[in-house]
């Protein structure tokens, strides 16, 4: 539909409305409905013009989801670019520090002290015996309706499921851990948005793979004794969620994100 706007169009609408209201000589008085028609036409013209101005050449009811997907993709590209720039700057700082350490004994001492804490801080890649856990959504129900009392929300992995496994592995003595091949620390936050995992500013889709280095027997005992993991295993049996557990020699990468803390509290 083409909307009419502009001063000339408004003048025509007003002239027609006024002409319809004025009596004409030599003719019988017009009925009431003929007086209302020009007023309705004027109101319709005002409505169409206002709509056209508001729309600005776009559809008012247009689906905004493609724009949201594009915005998410743009932000993801921006985060990846910032991460590459941060990695380059860290490498430059380390290089300059190494040059200064050759001629400055205090800097050399602090550098050696920092290197001695890198493994404990998770800044080095590690390999050793451990366990791999994989969590996955349930298969789609297909054409069959869901059983009574079951919703699609029951068929996906949630934040609590991932957190229960992670907490059980830490409690079982895990020395190092990664989620989706991203090194996580005790301060790493696990967040889920829908059925996707948000970790260190990146979004991951299921299946979610969790790798932990440690005594496999101790890790398995901790998983079996965890209340949260037992609840999840009940859901595995009831809704056919995916759960795989594999013991082998595993590798976890070094932590590459920022180690700065916004706030901290000394335990008492």
Protein backbone atom coordinates (compact mmCIF):
# COMPACT_ATOMS: atom_id res chain seq x y z
CA UNK A 1 0.00 0.00 0.00
CA UNK A 2 1.30 3.48 -0.87
CA UNK A 3 0.86 6.18 1.79
CA UNK A 4 0.25 9.82 0.94
CA UNK A 5 2.05 12.54 2.78
CA UNK A 6 3.12 16.12 2.25
CA UNK A 7 1.58 19.57 2.43
CA UNK A 8 -0.24 19.29 -0.91
CA UNK A 9 -1.99 16.08 0.14
CA UNK A 10 -3.12 17.61 3.42
CA UNK A 11 -4.53 20.64 1.63
CA UNK A 12 -6.61 18.41 -0.64
CA UNK A 13 -7.97 16.42 2.31
CA UNK A 14 -8.90 19.60 4.23
CA UNK A 15 -10.56 21.21 1.17
CA UNK A 16 -12.66 18.13 0.58
CA UNK A 17 -13.68 17.93 4.23
CA UNK A 18 -14.68 21.61 4.33
CA UNK A 19 -16.54 21.34 1.04
CA UNK A 20 -18.56 18.43 2.37
CA UNK A 21 -19.58 20.39 5.47
CA UNK A 22 -20.71 23.58 3.65
CA UNK A 23 -24.32 23.69 2.30
CA UNK A 24 -24.79 24.09 -1.44
CA UNK A 25 -27.24 26.63 -2.91
CA UNK A 26 -30.20 25.42 -4.87
CA UNK A 27 -30.06 21.89 -3.44
CA UNK A 28 -31.86 20.08 -0.66
CA UNK A 29 -30.08 19.76 2.69
CA UNK A 30 -27.77 16.77 2.65
CA UNK A 31 -28.45 13.87 5.02
CA UNK A 32 -26.30 13.37 8.14
CA UNK A 33 -24.32 10.41 6.82
CA UNK A 34 -23.02 12.47 3.90
CA UNK A 35 -21.54 14.94 6.38
CA UNK A 36 -19.72 12.21 8.29
CA UNK A 37 -18.06 10.67 5.24
CA UNK A 38 -15.57 13.54 4.72
CA UNK A 39 -14.69 13.48 8.44
CA UNK A 40 -14.02 9.74 8.31
CA UNK A 41 -11.92 10.22 5.17
CA UNK A 42 -9.91 12.96 6.89
CA UNK A 43 -9.32 10.76 9.95
CA UNK A 44 -8.29 7.83 7.74
CA UNK A 45 -5.86 10.07 5.86
CA UNK A 46 -4.36 11.24 9.14
CA UNK A 47 -4.01 7.63 10.33
CA UNK A 48 -2.36 6.46 7.11
CA UNK A 49 0.04 9.41 7.09
CA UNK A 50 1.01 8.86 10.74
CA UNK A 51 1.60 5.15 10.08
CA UNK A 52 3.75 5.88 7.06
CA UNK A 53 5.83 8.39 9.01
CA UNK A 54 6.31 5.99 11.92
CA UNK A 55 7.23 3.06 9.68
CA UNK A 56 9.81 5.10 7.80
CA UNK A 57 9.62 2.80 4.80
CA UNK A 58 9.79 -0.42 6.86
CA UNK A 59 7.17 -2.95 7.96
CA UNK A 60 5.94 -2.29 11.49
CA UNK A 61 5.31 -5.99 12.17
CA UNK A 62 8.53 -7.24 10.63
CA UNK A 63 10.15 -10.19 12.42
CA UNK A 64 13.19 -8.87 14.33
CA UNK A 65 14.79 -12.27 14.91
CA UNK A 66 17.15 -12.05 11.88
CA UNK A 67 18.39 -8.69 13.20
CA UNK A 68 18.96 -10.24 16.66
CA UNK A 69 20.90 -13.16 15.16
CA UNK A 70 23.01 -10.72 13.17
CA UNK A 71 23.69 -8.66 16.31
CA UNK A 72 24.78 -11.79 18.21
CA UNK A 73 27.10 -12.79 15.38
CA UNK A 74 28.58 -9.28 15.24
CA UNK A 75 29.21 -9.28 18.99
CA UNK A 76 30.79 -12.74 18.78
CA UNK A 77 33.11 -11.57 16.03
CA UNK A 78 33.98 -8.50 18.10
CA UNK A 79 34.78 -10.65 21.18
CA UNK A 80 37.01 -12.94 19.12
CA UNK A 81 38.85 -9.92 17.70
CA UNK A 82 39.37 -8.49 21.18
CA UNK A 83 40.67 -11.85 22.40
CA UNK A 84 43.24 -11.99 19.59
CA UNK A 85 44.33 -8.44 20.35
CA UNK A 86 44.63 -9.22 24.09
CA UNK A 87 46.72 -12.33 23.35
CA UNK A 88 49.02 -10.29 21.13
CA UNK A 89 49.44 -7.60 23.79
CA UNK A 90 50.16 -10.21 26.49
CA UNK A 91 52.84 -11.74 24.25
CA UNK A 92 54.40 -8.30 23.75
CA UNK A 93 54.42 -7.64 27.51
CA UNK A 94 56.03 -11.02 28.20
CA UNK A 95 58.65 -10.38 25.53
CA UNK A 96 59.53 -6.93 26.89
CA UNK A 97 59.64 -8.32 30.44
CA UNK A 98 62.03 -11.08 29.36
CA UNK A 99 64.36 -8.49 27.81
CA UNK A 100 64.36 -6.41 31.00
CA UNK A 101 64.94 -9.49 33.14
CA UNK A 102 68.30 -10.04 31.46
CA UNK A 103 69.63 -6.81 32.99
CA UNK A 104 67.40 -6.32 36.04
CA UNK A 105 67.78 -8.79 38.91
CA UNK A 106 64.52 -7.86 40.78
CA UNK A 107 62.48 -8.35 37.60
CA UNK A 108 64.20 -11.69 37.01
CA UNK A 109 63.35 -12.78 40.57
CA UNK A 110 59.68 -11.83 40.20
CA UNK A 111 59.53 -13.53 36.81
CA UNK A 112 60.91 -16.77 38.25
CA UNK A 113 58.45 -16.52 41.14
CA UNK A 114 55.54 -16.09 38.71
CA UNK A 115 56.64 -19.05 36.59
CA UNK A 116 56.72 -21.21 39.68
CA UNK A 117 53.01 -20.49 40.26
CA UNK A 118 51.82 -20.88 36.66
CA UNK A 119 50.87 -24.53 36.95
CA UNK A 120 48.94 -24.02 40.18
CA UNK A 121 47.16 -21.05 38.61
CA UNK A 122 46.14 -23.10 35.57
CA UNK A 123 48.29 -21.18 33.11
CA UNK A 124 50.00 -24.28 31.69
CA UNK A 125 48.58 -27.21 29.73
CA UNK A 126 48.46 -30.52 31.63
CA UNK A 127 48.05 -34.19 30.72
CA UNK A 128 47.45 -37.25 32.85
CA UNK A 129 44.94 -39.91 33.89
CA UNK A 130 41.42 -38.63 34.22
CA UNK A 131 37.84 -38.83 33.12
CA UNK A 132 35.73 -37.39 30.28
CA UNK A 133 32.01 -36.68 30.80
CA UNK A 134 29.66 -35.85 27.93
CA UNK A 135 26.17 -34.42 28.51
CA UNK A 136 23.65 -34.16 25.69
CA UNK A 137 20.02 -33.24 25.07
CA UNK A 138 17.45 -35.98 24.62
CA UNK A 139 16.56 -37.05 21.06
CA UNK A 140 13.70 -35.01 19.55
CA UNK A 141 10.30 -36.65 20.13
CA UNK A 142 9.42 -36.50 16.42
CA UNK A 143 5.78 -36.84 15.44
CA UNK A 144 4.83 -38.48 18.76
CA UNK A 145 3.35 -36.11 21.36
CA UNK A 146 5.16 -35.68 24.65
CA UNK A 147 3.93 -37.80 27.57
CA UNK A 148 1.58 -36.14 30.00
CA UNK A 149 3.41 -33.88 32.44
CA UNK A 150 6.57 -33.70 30.28
CA UNK A 151 7.69 -30.49 28.55
CA UNK A 152 10.42 -29.74 26.06
CA UNK A 153 12.29 -28.08 28.94
CA UNK A 154 12.78 -31.56 30.43
CA UNK A 155 14.59 -32.76 27.29
CA UNK A 156 17.55 -30.37 27.37
CA UNK A 157 20.69 -29.99 29.50
CA UNK A 158 20.47 -27.18 32.03
CA UNK A 159 22.98 -25.11 33.95
CA UNK A 160 22.35 -27.11 37.11
CA UNK A 161 23.23 -30.36 35.34
CA UNK A 162 26.60 -29.06 34.13
CA UNK A 163 27.33 -27.42 37.48
CA UNK A 164 26.52 -30.62 39.39
CA UNK A 165 29.07 -32.60 37.36
CA UNK A 166 31.71 -29.85 37.64
CA UNK A 167 31.25 -29.53 41.42
CA UNK A 168 31.44 -33.31 41.87
CA UNK A 169 34.69 -33.49 39.91
CA UNK A 170 36.27 -30.69 41.95
CA UNK A 171 35.10 -32.40 45.15
CA UNK A 172 36.62 -35.66 43.90
CA UNK A 173 40.08 -34.10 43.75
CA UNK A 174 40.30 -32.95 40.13
CA UNK A 175 43.67 -31.30 39.54
CA UNK A 176 42.67 -29.54 36.32
CA UNK A 177 39.50 -29.30 34.27
CA UNK A 178 38.22 -28.08 30.92
CA UNK A 179 34.75 -27.60 29.47
CA UNK A 180 34.41 -27.70 25.68
CA UNK A 181 38.24 -27.67 25.54
CA UNK A 182 38.36 -24.40 27.51
CA UNK A 183 40.36 -24.48 30.74
CA UNK A 184 38.26 -23.57 33.75
CA UNK A 185 39.35 -22.58 37.24
CA UNK A 186 37.59 -22.62 40.58
CA UNK A 187 36.49 -19.04 39.84
CA UNK A 188 35.04 -19.83 36.40
CA UNK A 189 31.27 -19.33 36.14
CA UNK A 190 29.10 -21.82 34.26
CA UNK A 191 26.04 -20.18 32.71
CA UNK A 192 23.37 -21.63 30.41
CA UNK A 193 21.15 -19.56 28.08
CA UNK A 194 18.37 -21.86 26.92
CA UNK A 195 20.13 -25.06 25.91
CA UNK A 196 23.44 -23.31 25.13
CA UNK A 197 26.42 -22.91 27.42
CA UNK A 198 27.97 -19.48 28.08
CA UNK A 199 31.58 -19.81 29.21
CA UNK A 200 34.14 -16.98 29.34
CA UNK A 201 32.13 -14.92 26.83
CA UNK A 202 31.74 -17.75 24.30
CA UNK A 203 28.58 -19.71 23.48
CA UNK A 204 28.61 -23.50 23.03
CA UNK A 205 25.91 -25.94 21.95
CA UNK A 206 25.43 -29.49 23.28
CA UNK A 207 26.83 -32.06 23.64
CA UNK A 208 28.89 -30.55 26.47
CA UNK A 209 32.23 -32.29 27.10
CA UNK A 210 33.86 -31.98 30.51
CA UNK A 211 37.43 -33.27 31.01
CA UNK A 212 39.08 -33.60 34.42
CA UNK A 213 42.58 -34.78 35.39
CA UNK A 214 42.81 -36.74 38.61
CA UNK A 215 42.43 -40.17 40.17
CA UNK A 216 39.71 -41.78 37.99
CA UNK A 217 38.40 -43.98 40.82
CA UNK A 218 38.08 -41.01 43.21
CA UNK A 219 36.38 -38.89 40.54
CA UNK A 220 33.87 -41.66 39.78
CA UNK A 221 33.09 -42.15 43.48
CA UNK A 222 32.48 -38.41 43.84
CA UNK A 223 30.14 -38.42 40.84
CA UNK A 224 28.22 -41.40 42.22
CA UNK A 225 27.81 -39.78 45.67
CA UNK A 226 26.75 -36.34 44.39
CA UNK A 227 23.06 -35.61 44.98
CA UNK A 228 22.90 -33.27 41.98
CA UNK A 229 24.43 -35.89 39.67
CA UNK A 230 22.01 -38.55 40.98
CA UNK A 231 19.07 -36.28 40.17
CA UNK A 232 20.46 -35.79 36.70
CA UNK A 233 20.88 -39.56 36.24
CA UNK A 234 17.19 -39.98 37.17
CA UNK A 235 16.37 -37.54 34.35
CA UNK A 236 18.64 -39.53 32.03
CA UNK A 237 16.56 -42.64 32.69
CA UNK A 238 13.21 -40.82 32.50
CA UNK A 239 13.77 -38.53 29.50
CA UNK A 240 16.64 -40.29 27.67
CA UNK A 241 19.11 -37.45 28.16
CA UNK A 242 22.65 -38.25 27.00
CA UNK A 243 25.37 -39.18 29.50
CA UNK A 244 28.74 -40.74 28.64
CA UNK A 245 31.66 -41.42 30.99
CA UNK A 246 35.10 -42.46 29.79
CA UNK A 247 38.33 -43.08 31.74
CA UNK A 248 41.59 -42.49 29.86
CA UNK A 249 44.67 -40.30 29.65
CA UNK A 250 43.38 -36.81 29.00
CA UNK A 251 44.78 -33.35 28.24
CA UNK A 252 43.50 -29.95 29.31
CA UNK A 253 44.73 -26.68 27.74
CA UNK A 254 46.19 -23.70 29.57
CA UNK A 255 43.90 -21.00 30.91
CA UNK A 256 43.95 -18.11 28.42
CA UNK A 257 41.40 -15.67 29.82
CA UNK A 258 41.94 -12.80 32.24
CA UNK A 259 42.98 -13.77 35.78
CA UNK A 260 41.97 -10.42 37.29
CA UNK A 261 39.40 -10.55 40.10
CA UNK A 262 36.81 -7.79 40.56
CA UNK A 263 36.43 -8.63 44.22
CA UNK A 264 37.94 -11.11 46.71
CA UNK A 265 37.52 -12.00 50.36
CA UNK A 266 40.14 -13.54 52.61
CA UNK A 267 38.74 -16.71 54.25
CA UNK A 268 38.72 -16.81 58.06
